[in-house]
Protein backbone atom coordinates (compact mmCIF):
# COMPACT_ATOMS: atom_id res chain seq x y z
CA MET A 1 -9.28 -14.02 -3.84
CA ALA A 2 -10.19 -10.68 -5.33
CA THR A 3 -11.43 -9.83 -1.96
CA ALA A 4 -14.81 -8.35 -1.20
CA LEU A 5 -13.96 -8.39 2.51
CA VAL A 6 -17.67 -8.51 3.19
CA GLY A 7 -18.70 -7.83 6.78
CA LEU A 8 -15.22 -7.02 8.00
CA VAL A 9 -14.84 -4.82 11.05
CA LEU A 10 -12.97 -1.56 10.53
CA LEU A 11 -9.79 -0.99 12.47
CA SER A 12 -8.31 2.36 13.28
CA ALA A 13 -5.25 2.82 11.05
CA CYS A 14 -2.30 5.12 11.34
CA THR A 15 -1.83 7.71 8.59
CA GLY A 16 0.86 9.77 10.27
CA ALA A 17 4.59 9.62 9.75
CA ARG A 18 6.40 6.51 10.89
CA PRO A 19 9.41 7.03 13.20
CA ARG A 20 12.48 7.80 11.12
CA LEU A 21 15.29 5.28 10.90
CA ALA A 22 18.51 6.01 12.64
CA ASP A 23 21.10 7.24 10.17
CA GLU A 24 22.56 4.52 8.02
CA PRO A 25 26.18 3.67 8.88
CA THR A 26 28.59 6.01 7.15
CA VAL A 27 30.93 4.62 4.52
CA THR A 28 34.47 5.90 4.85
CA SER A 29 37.15 5.69 2.17
CA GLU A 30 40.75 6.87 2.22
CA ARG A 31 42.07 8.93 -0.64
CA ALA A 32 44.80 7.34 -2.75
CA ASP A 33 47.14 10.26 -1.99
CA GLY A 34 46.74 9.71 1.75
CA GLY A 35 44.60 12.80 2.18
CA ALA A 36 41.53 13.19 4.35
CA SER A 37 38.92 10.47 4.09
CA THR A 38 35.45 11.11 2.72
CA THR A 39 32.18 9.93 4.21
CA THR A 40 28.84 9.34 2.57
CA THR A 41 25.51 8.45 4.10
CA ALA A 42 22.78 6.73 2.11
CA ALA A 43 19.49 8.51 2.73
CA PRO A 44 16.60 6.11 3.36
CA PRO A 45 13.88 6.51 0.71
CA GLN A 46 10.60 8.04 1.85
CA SER A 47 7.15 8.38 0.34
CA LYS A 48 4.54 11.03 0.99
CA VAL A 49 0.90 10.31 1.70
CA ALA A 50 -1.94 12.82 1.33
CA GLN A 51 -5.08 12.43 3.45
CA ALA A 52 -8.23 14.28 2.42
CA LEU A 53 -9.47 16.76 5.00
CA GLY A 54 -13.06 15.70 4.36
CA ASP A 55 -14.91 12.63 3.11
CA ALA A 56 -14.71 13.78 -0.53
CA ILE A 57 -12.13 15.52 -2.70
CA ASP A 58 -11.93 17.04 -6.18
CA VAL A 59 -9.41 15.45 -8.53
CA PHE A 60 -8.08 17.47 -11.47
CA PRO A 61 -6.62 16.21 -14.76
CA ASP A 62 -3.45 18.30 -14.43
CA ALA A 63 -1.68 20.84 -12.23
CA THR A 64 -3.43 23.91 -13.67
CA SER A 65 -6.97 22.99 -14.76
CA ASP A 66 -9.83 24.83 -13.02
CA VAL A 67 -12.32 22.03 -13.76
CA ALA A 68 -12.20 18.83 -11.75
CA ALA A 69 -12.13 15.59 -13.72
CA GLN A 70 -13.89 13.72 -10.90
CA ARG A 71 -14.85 13.90 -7.26
CA ILE A 72 -13.85 10.93 -5.15
CA THR A 73 -15.80 10.17 -1.98
CA GLY A 74 -15.15 7.80 0.86
CA ALA A 75 -18.01 5.67 -0.42
CA ASP A 76 -16.24 5.36 -3.79
CA ALA A 77 -12.90 4.31 -2.37
CA THR A 78 -13.50 2.58 0.97
CA SER A 79 -15.70 -0.18 2.32
CA ALA A 80 -17.15 1.51 5.42
CA PRO A 81 -17.81 5.00 6.82
CA ASN A 82 -15.09 6.98 8.61
CA ILE A 83 -12.15 5.32 6.87
CA PRO A 84 -9.57 8.01 5.99
CA LEU A 85 -9.39 8.83 2.28
CA VAL A 86 -5.68 8.57 1.49
CA PHE A 87 -3.53 8.93 -1.61
CA LEU A 88 0.07 8.01 -2.39
CA VAL A 89 1.81 11.12 -3.73
CA LYS A 90 3.54 10.72 -7.09
CA SER A 91 4.85 14.27 -7.58
CA GLU A 92 4.41 17.77 -6.15
CA GLY A 93 3.56 21.11 -7.72
CA ASP A 94 3.35 24.49 -6.05
CA ASP A 95 -0.25 24.23 -4.92
CA ARG A 96 -1.27 20.79 -6.20
CA LEU A 97 -0.12 17.23 -5.77
CA GLU A 98 -0.15 14.44 -8.33
CA VAL A 99 -1.44 11.34 -6.56
CA HIS A 100 -2.16 7.69 -7.23
CA LEU A 101 -5.91 7.17 -6.96
CA PRO A 102 -7.71 4.60 -4.77
CA VAL A 103 -10.20 3.85 -7.56
CA GLY A 104 -9.85 2.17 -10.94
CA PRO A 105 -8.60 1.66 -13.45
CA ASN A 106 -5.31 0.43 -11.98
CA GLY A 107 -2.51 2.96 -12.31
CA SER A 108 -4.85 5.97 -12.39
CA THR A 109 -3.42 9.27 -11.19
CA GLY A 110 -4.78 12.77 -10.80
CA TRP A 111 -4.06 16.10 -9.13
CA VAL A 112 -5.51 17.35 -5.83
CA ARG A 113 -5.24 20.75 -4.17
CA ARG A 114 -2.58 20.90 -1.49
CA ASP A 115 -5.04 22.84 0.70
CA ASP A 116 -7.51 19.92 0.59
CA VAL A 117 -5.15 17.43 2.24
CA THR A 118 -2.68 16.89 5.03
CA LEU A 119 0.71 15.39 4.21
CA ALA A 120 2.72 12.77 6.06
CA SER A 121 5.93 10.89 5.31
CA VAL A 122 6.06 7.09 5.21
CA ASN A 123 9.35 5.25 5.59
CA HIS A 124 7.97 1.80 4.80
CA ARG A 125 7.40 0.26 1.40
CA ILE A 126 6.36 -3.19 0.22
CA GLU A 127 7.71 -5.29 -2.63
CA VAL A 128 5.68 -8.27 -3.85
CA ARG A 129 7.59 -10.67 -6.11
CA LEU A 130 5.07 -12.89 -7.85
CA VAL A 131 7.40 -15.41 -9.49
CA GLU A 132 9.34 -15.87 -6.26
CA HIS A 133 6.15 -15.94 -4.16
CA ARG A 134 7.67 -13.56 -1.64
CA ILE A 135 6.82 -10.30 0.07
CA ARG A 136 9.48 -7.91 1.35
CA VAL A 137 8.72 -5.00 3.68
CA LEU A 138 11.39 -2.34 3.92
CA ASP A 139 11.79 0.38 6.52
CA GLY A 140 13.99 2.86 4.73
CA ASN A 141 16.87 0.75 3.39
CA GLU A 142 16.37 -2.07 5.89
CA VAL A 143 14.45 -5.24 5.01
CA VAL A 144 12.29 -5.96 8.06
CA VAL A 145 10.09 -8.72 6.58
CA ASP A 146 10.92 -11.29 3.88
CA GLU A 147 8.31 -14.06 3.78
CA PRO A 148 6.59 -16.46 1.35
CA ILE A 149 3.14 -15.65 -0.02
CA GLY A 150 0.27 -17.11 -2.01
CA VAL A 151 -0.71 -15.19 -5.16
CA GLY A 152 -3.27 -15.20 -7.96
CA THR A 153 -3.84 -17.97 -10.44
CA THR A 154 -3.00 -17.74 -14.15
CA ASP A 155 -6.57 -16.85 -15.08
CA ARG A 156 -7.06 -14.54 -12.09
CA PRO A 157 -3.59 -13.03 -11.63
CA THR A 158 -2.38 -10.61 -9.02
CA PRO A 159 -2.10 -7.32 -10.94
CA GLY A 160 1.37 -5.81 -11.20
CA GLY A 161 2.30 -2.17 -10.85
CA VAL A 162 2.35 0.46 -8.13
CA HIS A 163 -0.44 0.31 -5.55
CA TYR A 164 -0.73 1.39 -1.92
CA LEU A 165 -2.49 0.38 1.31
CA LYS A 166 -5.83 2.19 1.49
CA GLU A 167 -7.66 0.33 4.29
CA LEU A 168 -7.01 -1.95 7.23
CA LEU A 169 -9.81 -4.35 8.12
CA GLN A 170 -10.31 -7.13 10.66
CA PRO A 171 -12.34 -10.16 9.63
CA PRO A 172 -15.04 -11.16 12.13
CA ASP A 173 -13.71 -14.73 12.09
CA PRO A 174 -9.90 -14.86 12.46
CA THR A 175 -10.00 -18.55 11.54
CA GLY A 176 -11.66 -17.81 8.20
CA PRO A 177 -10.15 -17.49 4.70
CA TYR A 178 -8.99 -13.88 5.24
CA GLY A 179 -7.11 -14.70 8.45
CA THR A 180 -6.66 -12.23 11.26
CA TYR A 181 -6.23 -8.97 9.28
CA ALA A 182 -6.56 -7.66 5.73
CA TYR A 183 -4.93 -4.62 4.16
CA VAL A 184 -6.95 -3.47 1.14
CA LEU A 185 -4.91 -2.14 -1.79
CA SER A 186 -5.72 0.68 -4.17
CA GLY A 187 -5.65 -1.77 -7.09
CA SER A 188 -8.27 -4.19 -8.35
CA SER A 189 -8.36 -7.49 -10.19
CA THR A 190 -7.91 -7.18 -13.94
CA GLU A 191 -10.30 -10.10 -14.46
CA LEU A 192 -13.03 -9.58 -11.86
CA THR A 193 -15.19 -6.49 -11.43
CA SER A 194 -16.95 -7.99 -8.42
CA PHE A 195 -16.41 -10.83 -5.95
CA ASN A 196 -18.73 -12.22 -3.25
CA GLU A 197 -21.12 -9.27 -3.63
CA GLY A 198 -18.28 -6.74 -3.27
CA GLN A 199 -15.86 -4.92 -5.53
CA GLY A 200 -12.99 -6.83 -7.10
CA VAL A 201 -10.32 -5.07 -5.04
CA ILE A 202 -7.19 -6.94 -4.01
CA GLY A 203 -5.68 -7.21 -0.57
CA ILE A 204 -2.84 -8.52 1.55
CA HIS A 205 -4.34 -10.78 4.21
CA GLY A 206 -3.88 -13.80 6.41
CA THR A 207 -5.22 -17.26 5.64
CA ASN A 208 -6.69 -20.35 7.25
CA ASP A 209 -4.87 -22.54 4.71
CA PRO A 210 -1.12 -22.53 5.37
CA ALA A 211 -0.63 -24.94 2.44
CA SER A 212 -1.66 -22.14 0.06
CA ILE A 213 1.47 -20.13 0.91
CA GLY A 214 3.95 -20.34 -1.95
CA GLN A 215 1.24 -21.31 -4.45
CA ASP A 216 -0.81 -19.69 -7.24
CA VAL A 217 -4.18 -20.16 -5.58
CA SER A 218 -6.06 -16.88 -5.14
CA SER A 219 -8.25 -14.69 -7.32
CA GLY A 220 -5.65 -11.92 -7.15
CA CYS A 221 -4.99 -11.31 -3.48
CA ILE A 222 -1.74 -11.87 -1.61
CA GLY A 223 -1.97 -14.44 1.19
CA LEU A 224 0.30 -14.47 4.22
CA ASP A 225 0.70 -16.69 7.23
CA ASN A 226 -1.40 -15.20 10.04
CA ALA A 227 1.69 -14.67 12.17
CA VAL A 228 3.19 -12.49 9.43
CA ILE A 229 0.11 -10.30 8.90
CA ASP A 230 -0.16 -9.98 12.69
CA ARG A 231 3.39 -8.66 12.73
CA LEU A 232 2.69 -6.15 9.96
CA VAL A 233 -0.28 -4.78 11.90
CA ASN A 234 0.66 -5.07 15.56
CA GLU A 235 4.45 -4.84 15.58
CA ILE A 236 5.39 -2.79 12.53
CA GLY A 237 2.13 -0.86 12.27
CA LEU A 238 2.21 -0.21 8.53
CA PRO A 239 0.39 3.07 7.89
CA LEU A 240 -2.23 3.65 5.23
CA GLY A 241 -0.62 5.01 2.10
CA THR A 242 2.36 2.64 2.30
CA PRO A 243 3.43 2.00 -1.32
CA VAL A 244 3.14 -1.54 -2.68
CA GLU A 245 5.05 -2.49 -5.82
CA ILE A 246 3.95 -5.78 -7.35
CA LEU A 247 6.63 -7.26 -9.59
CA ALA A 248 6.52 -10.20 -12.01
């Protein structure tokens, strides 16, 4: 589905930093001349997430312009009041941040004032592999989830590219087509501008049809077994702003 997520109940969602991983094991190698060994430690990758201080924020076309290109409000980017307005940071300037936007078109970026947001680090990231029908969740360098998924059909494909988690919602009926939870992504369907009276945004959600897992069945969303989405929410606690890379 290109989910409208109509009537879903808002959940509180973490936007703060996830606990850091313990240091990766050091790799030790002896020098050929018998000298002292050297050690290297692979640093786990991290992303930064900016949360707007208010329910609206000015977005600029570049790092220096005095005129905002647009003003994004919570109503523009989220499905209910009081949902944090979050952005995945792409790059940093002295007093502005280049961010991925939670509104279309897919892949849109802009610049926000550093003073208009709070920053947090996120250790987790998500990889969605469409051809393989699999989702991988990484915490730093460690794969913590590797599970099969259902994806979009040929005529309503799951859009590739870099997205991020912008909302966490709970369907009123956990036995319904959206399962027990739904993460809403910053991206939208490339084929649908609306769906079931809502916007054509895509999500990662549970399902009441286990047979759909591993198949091209949706209108763009990513379907998981309910036990897997439950783990993402209740055990791992993926924060808003977690980057999602959708790969062919």
